[in-house]
Amino acid sequence: MRVIKETRTIKLPDDSTYRFFIQIWYSMVHRNSLDSHRIRCMNSFNILRELNDLIAKQNLLNIKDDIKRVSEETINILERDKIIHRYFSHNFQRVKPLLQDVIKKEISKGMKKERSSTLLAYYLKDFIIDLKERYKTSILSELEKAVFESKSEEDIFG
């Protein structure tokens, strides 16, 4: 657990409840905390934007490993997202094989790399635009159904 120490630049609240909250929050989001203790904050929309940003910077040194890791996390998050499967499966089906290529490093040299990378960037942009327009409303719609129609905890928290 990471603990914030009060310094001249860091002033913690006097209230013990607020201080405790800040300490726990800091511990959960600190980059050097163990992953098992860090809070998961990526949803499908956020992870696609992060991946898209990394791909835009692919000319930087040593970024290929980061792109590979984020591609793996992207597939994991998208595969578990019920909203993606229900409302955006066509986008996911276009992106998934390209992400798997990145993970397997099957994209080798030359023209094939440029074409695959460009195609992935294009599909990601399209996917992100679609999510930006409809993702939150789709989630709220499904949540409303789960709460008021099915009344199923699995549907609410799944």
Protein backbone atom coordinates (compact mmCIF):
# COMPACT_ATOMS: atom_id res chain seq x y z
CA MET A 1 0.00 0.00 0.00
CA ARG A 2 1.27 3.45 -0.92
CA VAL A 3 0.81 6.22 1.62
CA ILE A 4 0.99 9.93 0.89
CA LYS A 5 3.25 11.76 3.25
CA GLU A 6 2.41 15.34 4.03
CA THR A 7 5.02 17.81 2.77
CA ARG A 8 5.21 21.51 2.06
CA THR A 9 3.50 20.96 -1.31
CA ILE A 10 1.11 18.20 -0.25
CA LYS A 11 -1.46 19.09 2.39
CA LEU A 12 -3.87 16.40 3.51
CA PRO A 13 -7.31 17.21 4.94
CA ASP A 14 -7.69 17.44 8.72
CA ASP A 15 -10.84 15.32 8.68
CA SER A 16 -9.83 11.69 9.26
CA THR A 17 -12.51 10.34 6.89
CA TYR A 18 -11.31 12.50 4.01
CA ARG A 19 -7.68 11.70 4.80
CA PHE A 20 -8.46 7.96 4.79
CA PHE A 21 -10.30 8.26 1.46
CA ILE A 22 -7.38 10.08 -0.16
CA GLN A 23 -4.87 7.53 1.16
CA ILE A 24 -6.89 4.59 -0.19
CA TRP A 25 -7.49 6.31 -3.53
CA TYR A 26 -3.78 7.10 -3.86
CA SER A 27 -2.88 3.50 -3.10
CA MET A 28 -5.32 2.18 -5.69
CA VAL A 29 -4.17 4.38 -8.55
CA HIS A 30 -0.44 4.76 -7.92
CA ARG A 31 1.52 3.41 -10.86
CA ASN A 32 3.92 1.46 -8.61
CA SER A 33 1.17 -0.33 -6.71
CA LEU A 34 0.77 -3.99 -7.48
CA ASP A 35 -1.76 -4.59 -10.25
CA SER A 36 -3.83 -6.77 -7.95
CA HIS A 37 -4.30 -3.78 -5.66
CA ARG A 38 -4.97 -1.20 -8.35
CA ILE A 39 -8.45 -0.31 -9.38
CA ARG A 40 -9.53 -1.22 -12.91
CA CYS A 41 -10.73 1.88 -14.64
CA MET A 42 -10.69 0.96 -18.30
CA ASN A 43 -13.89 0.44 -20.19
CA SER A 44 -14.21 -0.32 -23.88
CA PHE A 45 -14.31 3.33 -24.88
CA ASN A 46 -11.26 4.34 -22.82
CA ILE A 47 -9.10 1.41 -23.89
CA LEU A 48 -9.81 2.00 -27.58
CA ARG A 49 -8.85 5.67 -27.23
CA GLU A 50 -5.64 4.70 -25.43
CA LEU A 51 -4.75 2.17 -28.12
CA ASN A 52 -5.52 4.68 -30.86
CA ASP A 53 -3.22 7.23 -29.19
CA LEU A 54 -0.41 4.68 -28.98
CA ILE A 55 -0.79 3.69 -32.62
CA ALA A 56 -0.60 7.36 -33.60
CA LYS A 57 2.80 7.44 -31.83
CA GLN A 58 4.10 4.17 -33.27
CA ASN A 59 7.22 5.83 -34.68
CA LEU A 60 8.58 6.35 -31.15
CA LEU A 61 11.26 3.99 -29.91
CA ASN A 62 10.16 0.96 -27.87
CA ILE A 63 6.44 1.69 -28.22
CA LYS A 64 5.69 -1.57 -30.06
CA ASP A 65 5.66 -3.53 -26.78
CA ASP A 66 3.23 -1.03 -25.28
CA ILE A 67 0.98 -1.34 -28.32
CA LYS A 68 1.09 -5.13 -27.99
CA ARG A 69 0.21 -5.03 -24.26
CA VAL A 70 -2.61 -2.56 -24.76
CA SER A 71 -3.91 -4.66 -27.69
CA GLU A 72 -4.09 -7.68 -25.39
CA GLU A 73 -5.94 -5.70 -22.74
CA THR A 74 -8.24 -4.26 -25.42
CA ILE A 75 -9.30 -7.69 -26.61
CA ASN A 76 -9.89 -8.85 -23.02
CA ILE A 77 -12.03 -5.83 -22.19
CA LEU A 78 -14.02 -5.91 -25.43
CA GLU A 79 -14.70 -9.65 -25.16
CA ARG A 80 -16.18 -9.22 -21.65
CA ASP A 81 -18.30 -6.18 -22.54
CA LYS A 82 -21.93 -7.22 -23.08
CA ILE A 83 -22.77 -3.84 -24.60
CA ILE A 84 -20.08 -4.30 -27.25
CA HIS A 85 -21.46 -7.72 -28.18
CA ARG A 86 -25.04 -6.51 -28.27
CA TYR A 87 -24.67 -3.14 -30.03
CA PHE A 88 -21.20 -2.93 -31.57
CA SER A 89 -20.30 -6.47 -32.61
CA HIS A 90 -19.70 -5.46 -36.24
CA ASN A 91 -17.01 -3.00 -35.11
CA PHE A 92 -15.43 -5.56 -32.81
CA GLN A 93 -15.35 -8.23 -35.52
CA ARG A 94 -13.42 -5.88 -37.83
CA VAL A 95 -10.88 -4.89 -35.18
CA LYS A 96 -10.32 -8.22 -33.41
CA PRO A 97 -8.26 -10.00 -36.13
CA LEU A 98 -6.04 -6.94 -36.56
CA LEU A 99 -5.45 -6.78 -32.81
CA GLN A 100 -4.62 -10.49 -32.76
CA ASP A 101 -2.06 -9.86 -35.51
CA VAL A 102 -0.45 -7.17 -33.37
CA ILE A 103 -0.34 -9.52 -30.39
CA LYS A 104 1.14 -12.41 -32.38
CA LYS A 105 3.57 -10.04 -34.11
CA GLU A 106 2.54 -11.59 -37.41
CA ILE A 107 2.76 -8.16 -38.95
CA SER A 108 6.32 -8.33 -40.15
CA LYS A 109 8.13 -5.90 -42.40
CA GLY A 110 7.43 -3.55 -45.24
CA MET A 111 4.15 -2.83 -46.97
CA LYS A 112 2.06 -5.37 -45.05
CA LYS A 113 2.90 -3.62 -41.79
CA GLU A 114 1.87 -0.21 -43.09
CA ARG A 115 -1.37 -1.51 -44.58
CA SER A 116 -2.38 -3.45 -41.45
CA SER A 117 -1.45 -0.60 -39.16
CA THR A 118 -3.33 1.91 -41.30
CA LEU A 119 -6.35 -0.38 -41.49
CA LEU A 120 -6.34 -0.88 -37.70
CA ALA A 121 -6.08 2.88 -37.14
CA TYR A 122 -8.97 3.46 -39.54
CA TYR A 123 -11.22 0.86 -37.91
CA LEU A 124 -10.32 2.10 -34.43
CA LYS A 125 -11.27 5.64 -35.40
CA ASP A 126 -14.59 4.40 -36.78
CA PHE A 127 -15.20 2.27 -33.66
CA ILE A 128 -14.40 5.18 -31.32
CA ILE A 129 -16.75 7.52 -33.20
CA ASP A 130 -19.53 4.94 -32.99
CA LEU A 131 -18.91 4.41 -29.26
CA LYS A 132 -18.81 8.14 -28.62
CA GLU A 133 -22.25 8.50 -30.18
CA ARG A 134 -24.03 5.49 -28.67
CA TYR A 135 -22.02 3.70 -25.93
CA LYS A 136 -23.27 5.59 -22.86
CA THR A 137 -26.89 5.59 -24.00
CA SER A 138 -26.65 1.86 -24.75
CA ILE A 139 -25.28 1.18 -21.27
CA LEU A 140 -28.01 3.24 -19.64
CA SER A 141 -30.67 1.54 -21.72
CA GLU A 142 -29.45 -1.93 -20.71
CA LEU A 143 -29.14 -0.87 -17.07
CA GLU A 144 -32.69 0.45 -17.10
CA LYS A 145 -33.94 -2.87 -18.49
CA ALA A 146 -31.95 -4.79 -15.89
CA VAL A 147 -33.23 -2.71 -12.98
CA PHE A 148 -36.88 -2.31 -13.94
CA GLU A 149 -37.67 -5.31 -16.15
CA SER A 150 -35.50 -8.35 -15.42
CA LYS A 151 -34.55 -7.20 -11.89
CA SER A 152 -31.59 -9.53 -12.11
CA GLU A 153 -28.40 -8.80 -10.16
CA GLU A 154 -26.42 -10.61 -12.84
CA ASP A 155 -27.79 -8.27 -15.51
CA ILE A 156 -27.18 -5.23 -13.35
CA PHE A 157 -23.59 -6.01 -12.37
CA GLY A 158 -22.62 -8.13 -15.37
